[in-house]
């Protein structure tokens, strides 16, 4: 079984963004990312794609605790508050339902003040999870 730590060690995209694994448990995890200057857009806020990537990474790592190979099938993200340069973002993901090969995961992204930046619902497909 692949673990979140193994995934992170083999994930050049997460390493490039400075994503760190901060907590892991069966079906849940937390990851951290510092908003850097090269992540901001023309409005001087963090580009939504980086917030999405952090949330997607958290859901994949949480799903890795349930199955060896996990891929995103669909994601719905709602941006609630802009993240700014220097913000410390934490994405907490939790698998809340497994149905056959499908895993459903809720992710919340918060800043260093505990304010919600984004909420995401992910559907993952696992090669090894069975009903």
C-alpha atoms as a PDB file:
ATOM      1  CA  UNK A   1       0.000   0.000   0.000  1.00  0.00           C
ATOM      2  CA  UNK A   2       1.301   3.450  -0.924  1.00  0.00           C
ATOM      3  CA  UNK A   3       1.472   5.935   1.928  1.00  0.00           C
ATOM      4  CA  UNK A   4       1.109   9.698   1.829  1.00  0.00           C
ATOM      5  CA  UNK A   5       4.771  10.048   2.823  1.00  0.00           C
ATOM      6  CA  UNK A   6       5.798   7.893  -0.143  1.00  0.00           C
ATOM      7  CA  UNK A   7       3.579   9.916  -2.476  1.00  0.00           C
ATOM      8  CA  UNK A   8       5.090  13.190  -1.290  1.00  0.00           C
ATOM      9  CA  UNK A   9       8.627  11.838  -1.660  1.00  0.00           C
ATOM     10  CA  UNK A  10       7.839  10.981  -5.313  1.00  0.00           C
ATOM     11  CA  UNK A  11       5.826  14.144  -6.114  1.00  0.00           C
ATOM     12  CA  UNK A  12       7.984  16.788  -7.814  1.00  0.00           C
ATOM     13  CA  UNK A  13       5.040  19.205  -8.216  1.00  0.00           C
ATOM     14  CA  UNK A  14       4.314  19.260  -4.474  1.00  0.00           C
ATOM     15  CA  UNK A  15       8.012  19.602  -3.678  1.00  0.00           C
ATOM     16  CA  UNK A  16       8.321  22.521  -6.132  1.00  0.00           C
ATOM     17  CA  UNK A  17       5.474  24.314  -4.336  1.00  0.00           C
ATOM     18  CA  UNK A  18       6.929  23.592  -0.898  1.00  0.00           C
ATOM     19  CA  UNK A  19       3.935  21.482   0.169  1.00  0.00           C
ATOM     20  CA  UNK A  20       4.584  19.692   3.447  1.00  0.00           C
ATOM     21  CA  UNK A  21       2.684  16.807   5.021  1.00  0.00           C
ATOM     22  CA  UNK A  22       1.789  17.905   8.566  1.00  0.00           C
ATOM     23  CA  UNK A  23      -0.643  15.219   9.773  1.00  0.00           C
ATOM     24  CA  UNK A  24      -1.813  11.834   8.569  1.00  0.00           C
ATOM     25  CA  UNK A  25      -4.297   9.278   9.827  1.00  0.00           C
ATOM     26  CA  UNK A  26      -6.518   6.621   8.258  1.00  0.00           C
ATOM     27  CA  UNK A  27      -8.502   8.441   5.587  1.00  0.00           C
ATOM     28  CA  UNK A  28      -7.418  11.944   6.536  1.00  0.00           C
ATOM     29  CA  UNK A  29      -4.426  14.235   6.300  1.00  0.00           C
ATOM     30  CA  UNK A  30      -3.272  17.828   6.490  1.00  0.00           C
ATOM     31  CA  UNK A  31      -0.793  19.544   4.197  1.00  0.00           C
ATOM     32  CA  UNK A  32       0.807  22.991   4.427  1.00  0.00           C
ATOM     33  CA  UNK A  33       1.940  25.538   1.853  1.00  0.00           C
ATOM     34  CA  UNK A  34       3.367  29.050   2.213  1.00  0.00           C
ATOM     35  CA  UNK A  35       2.082  31.493  -0.438  1.00  0.00           C
ATOM     36  CA  UNK A  36       5.180  32.750  -2.254  1.00  0.00           C
ATOM     37  CA  UNK A  37       5.548  35.696  -4.625  1.00  0.00           C
ATOM     38  CA  UNK A  38       5.593  33.462  -7.724  1.00  0.00           C
ATOM     39  CA  UNK A  39       2.134  32.152  -6.706  1.00  0.00           C
ATOM     40  CA  UNK A  40       0.422  35.550  -6.852  1.00  0.00           C
ATOM     41  CA  UNK A  41      -1.551  36.935  -9.773  1.00  0.00           C
ATOM     42  CA  UNK A  42      -2.097  40.435 -11.175  1.00  0.00           C
ATOM     43  CA  UNK A  43      -4.297  41.293  -8.194  1.00  0.00           C
ATOM     44  CA  UNK A  44      -1.498  40.470  -5.709  1.00  0.00           C
ATOM     45  CA  UNK A  45      -3.410  37.492  -4.350  1.00  0.00           C
ATOM     46  CA  UNK A  46      -2.634  33.796  -4.577  1.00  0.00           C
ATOM     47  CA  UNK A  47      -3.736  32.349  -7.912  1.00  0.00           C
ATOM     48  CA  UNK A  48      -6.686  30.016  -7.353  1.00  0.00           C
ATOM     49  CA  UNK A  49      -4.858  27.225  -9.153  1.00  0.00           C
ATOM     50  CA  UNK A  50      -2.323  26.988  -6.331  1.00  0.00           C
ATOM     51  CA  UNK A  51      -5.064  26.806  -3.690  1.00  0.00           C
ATOM     52  CA  UNK A  52      -6.731  24.106  -5.794  1.00  0.00           C
ATOM     53  CA  UNK A  53      -3.451  22.180  -6.104  1.00  0.00           C
ATOM     54  CA  UNK A  54      -2.980  22.233  -2.337  1.00  0.00           C
ATOM     55  CA  UNK A  55      -6.541  20.930  -1.779  1.00  0.00           C
ATOM     56  CA  UNK A  56      -6.183  18.292  -4.508  1.00  0.00           C
ATOM     57  CA  UNK A  57      -2.898  17.108  -2.994  1.00  0.00           C
ATOM     58  CA  UNK A  58      -4.531  16.761   0.430  1.00  0.00           C
ATOM     59  CA  UNK A  59      -7.382  14.673  -0.982  1.00  0.00           C
ATOM     60  CA  UNK A  60      -4.961  12.425  -2.880  1.00  0.00           C
ATOM     61  CA  UNK A  61      -2.848  11.867   0.219  1.00  0.00           C
ATOM     62  CA  UNK A  62      -5.931  11.083   2.336  1.00  0.00           C
ATOM     63  CA  UNK A  63      -7.109   8.679  -0.353  1.00  0.00           C
ATOM     64  CA  UNK A  64      -3.715   6.967  -0.421  1.00  0.00           C
ATOM     65  CA  UNK A  65      -4.491   5.661   3.060  1.00  0.00           C
ATOM     66  CA  UNK A  66      -7.511   3.832   1.596  1.00  0.00           C
ATOM     67  CA  UNK A  67      -6.054   2.456  -1.651  1.00  0.00           C
ATOM     68  CA  UNK A  68      -2.740   2.027  -3.410  1.00  0.00           C
ATOM     69  CA  UNK A  69      -3.456   4.000  -6.571  1.00  0.00           C
ATOM     70  CA  UNK A  70      -5.794   6.962  -6.232  1.00  0.00           C
ATOM     71  CA  UNK A  71      -6.672   9.455  -8.971  1.00  0.00           C
ATOM     72  CA  UNK A  72      -9.028  12.432  -8.922  1.00  0.00           C
ATOM     73  CA  UNK A  73     -12.169  11.832 -10.910  1.00  0.00           C
ATOM     74  CA  UNK A  74     -13.887  15.149 -10.198  1.00  0.00           C
ATOM     75  CA  UNK A  75     -13.508  18.116  -7.874  1.00  0.00           C
ATOM     76  CA  UNK A  76     -15.772  21.012  -6.916  1.00  0.00           C
ATOM     77  CA  UNK A  77     -14.028  23.927  -5.218  1.00  0.00           C
ATOM     78  CA  UNK A  78     -15.508  27.071  -3.722  1.00  0.00           C
ATOM     79  CA  UNK A  79     -13.192  29.989  -2.995  1.00  0.00           C
ATOM     80  CA  UNK A  80     -14.312  31.861   0.103  1.00  0.00           C
ATOM     81  CA  UNK A  81     -11.475  34.278   0.882  1.00  0.00           C
ATOM     82  CA  UNK A  82      -8.424  35.345  -1.096  1.00  0.00           C
ATOM     83  CA  UNK A  83      -5.051  34.053   0.059  1.00  0.00           C
ATOM     84  CA  UNK A  84      -2.278  36.629   0.053  1.00  0.00           C
ATOM     85  CA  UNK A  85       1.497  36.680  -0.228  1.00  0.00           C
ATOM     86  CA  UNK A  86       2.975  35.182   2.941  1.00  0.00           C
ATOM     87  CA  UNK A  87      -0.218  33.390   3.989  1.00  0.00           C
ATOM     88  CA  UNK A  88       0.296  29.999   5.568  1.00  0.00           C
ATOM     89  CA  UNK A  89      -2.312  27.685   4.058  1.00  0.00           C
ATOM     90  CA  UNK A  90      -3.348  24.362   5.538  1.00  0.00           C
ATOM     91  CA  UNK A  91      -5.550  21.906   3.651  1.00  0.00           C
ATOM     92  CA  UNK A  92      -7.304  19.286   5.790  1.00  0.00           C
ATOM     93  CA  UNK A  93      -8.802  16.372   3.863  1.00  0.00           C
ATOM     94  CA  UNK A  94     -11.058  13.614   5.105  1.00  0.00           C
ATOM     95  CA  UNK A  95     -12.460  10.621   3.237  1.00  0.00           C
ATOM     96  CA  UNK A  96     -16.118  10.490   4.261  1.00  0.00           C
ATOM     97  CA  UNK A  97     -17.564   7.794   2.011  1.00  0.00           C
ATOM     98  CA  UNK A  98     -16.283   4.796   0.077  1.00  0.00           C
ATOM     99  CA  UNK A  99     -18.514   3.177  -2.512  1.00  0.00           C
ATOM    100  CA  UNK A 100     -16.845   0.441  -4.530  1.00  0.00           C
ATOM    101  CA  UNK A 101     -13.833   2.030  -6.205  1.00  0.00           C
ATOM    102  CA  UNK A 102     -15.062   5.584  -5.520  1.00  0.00           C
ATOM    103  CA  UNK A 103     -13.880   7.590  -2.530  1.00  0.00           C
ATOM    104  CA  UNK A 104     -15.494  10.895  -1.567  1.00  0.00           C
ATOM    105  CA  UNK A 105     -13.364  13.443   0.240  1.00  0.00           C
ATOM    106  CA  UNK A 106     -14.043  16.833   1.808  1.00  0.00           C
ATOM    107  CA  UNK A 107     -11.201  19.344   2.008  1.00  0.00           C
ATOM    108  CA  UNK A 108     -11.021  22.656   3.832  1.00  0.00           C
ATOM    109  CA  UNK A 109      -8.238  25.152   3.174  1.00  0.00           C
ATOM    110  CA  UNK A 110      -7.580  27.683   5.928  1.00  0.00           C
ATOM    111  CA  UNK A 111      -5.039  30.443   6.468  1.00  0.00           C
ATOM    112  CA  UNK A 112      -2.831  31.050   9.504  1.00  0.00           C
ATOM    113  CA  UNK A 113      -5.712  32.869  11.224  1.00  0.00           C
ATOM    114  CA  UNK A 114      -7.995  29.835  10.900  1.00  0.00           C
ATOM    115  CA  UNK A 115     -10.166  31.570   8.293  1.00  0.00           C
ATOM    116  CA  UNK A 116     -11.592  29.409   5.514  1.00  0.00           C
ATOM    117  CA  UNK A 117     -10.009  30.181   2.142  1.00  0.00           C
ATOM    118  CA  UNK A 118     -11.661  27.359   0.157  1.00  0.00           C
ATOM    119  CA  UNK A 119     -13.797  24.241   0.450  1.00  0.00           C
ATOM    120  CA  UNK A 120     -13.521  21.335  -1.967  1.00  0.00           C
ATOM    121  CA  UNK A 121     -15.386  18.068  -2.504  1.00  0.00           C
ATOM    122  CA  UNK A 122     -13.415  15.432  -4.387  1.00  0.00           C
ATOM    123  CA  UNK A 123     -14.343  12.156  -5.957  1.00  0.00           C
ATOM    124  CA  UNK A 124     -11.375   9.811  -6.237  1.00  0.00           C
ATOM    125  CA  UNK A 125     -11.043   6.501  -8.024  1.00  0.00           C
ATOM    126  CA  UNK A 126      -9.032   3.795  -6.320  1.00  0.00           C
ATOM    127  CA  UNK A 127      -7.594   0.782  -8.076  1.00  0.00           C
ATOM    128  CA  UNK A 128      -7.761  -1.333  -4.904  1.00  0.00           C
ATOM    129  CA  UNK A 129     -10.839  -0.268  -2.906  1.00  0.00           C
ATOM    130  CA  UNK A 130     -13.768  -2.659  -3.114  1.00  0.00           C
ATOM    131  CA  UNK A 131     -17.278  -2.596  -1.700  1.00  0.00           C
END
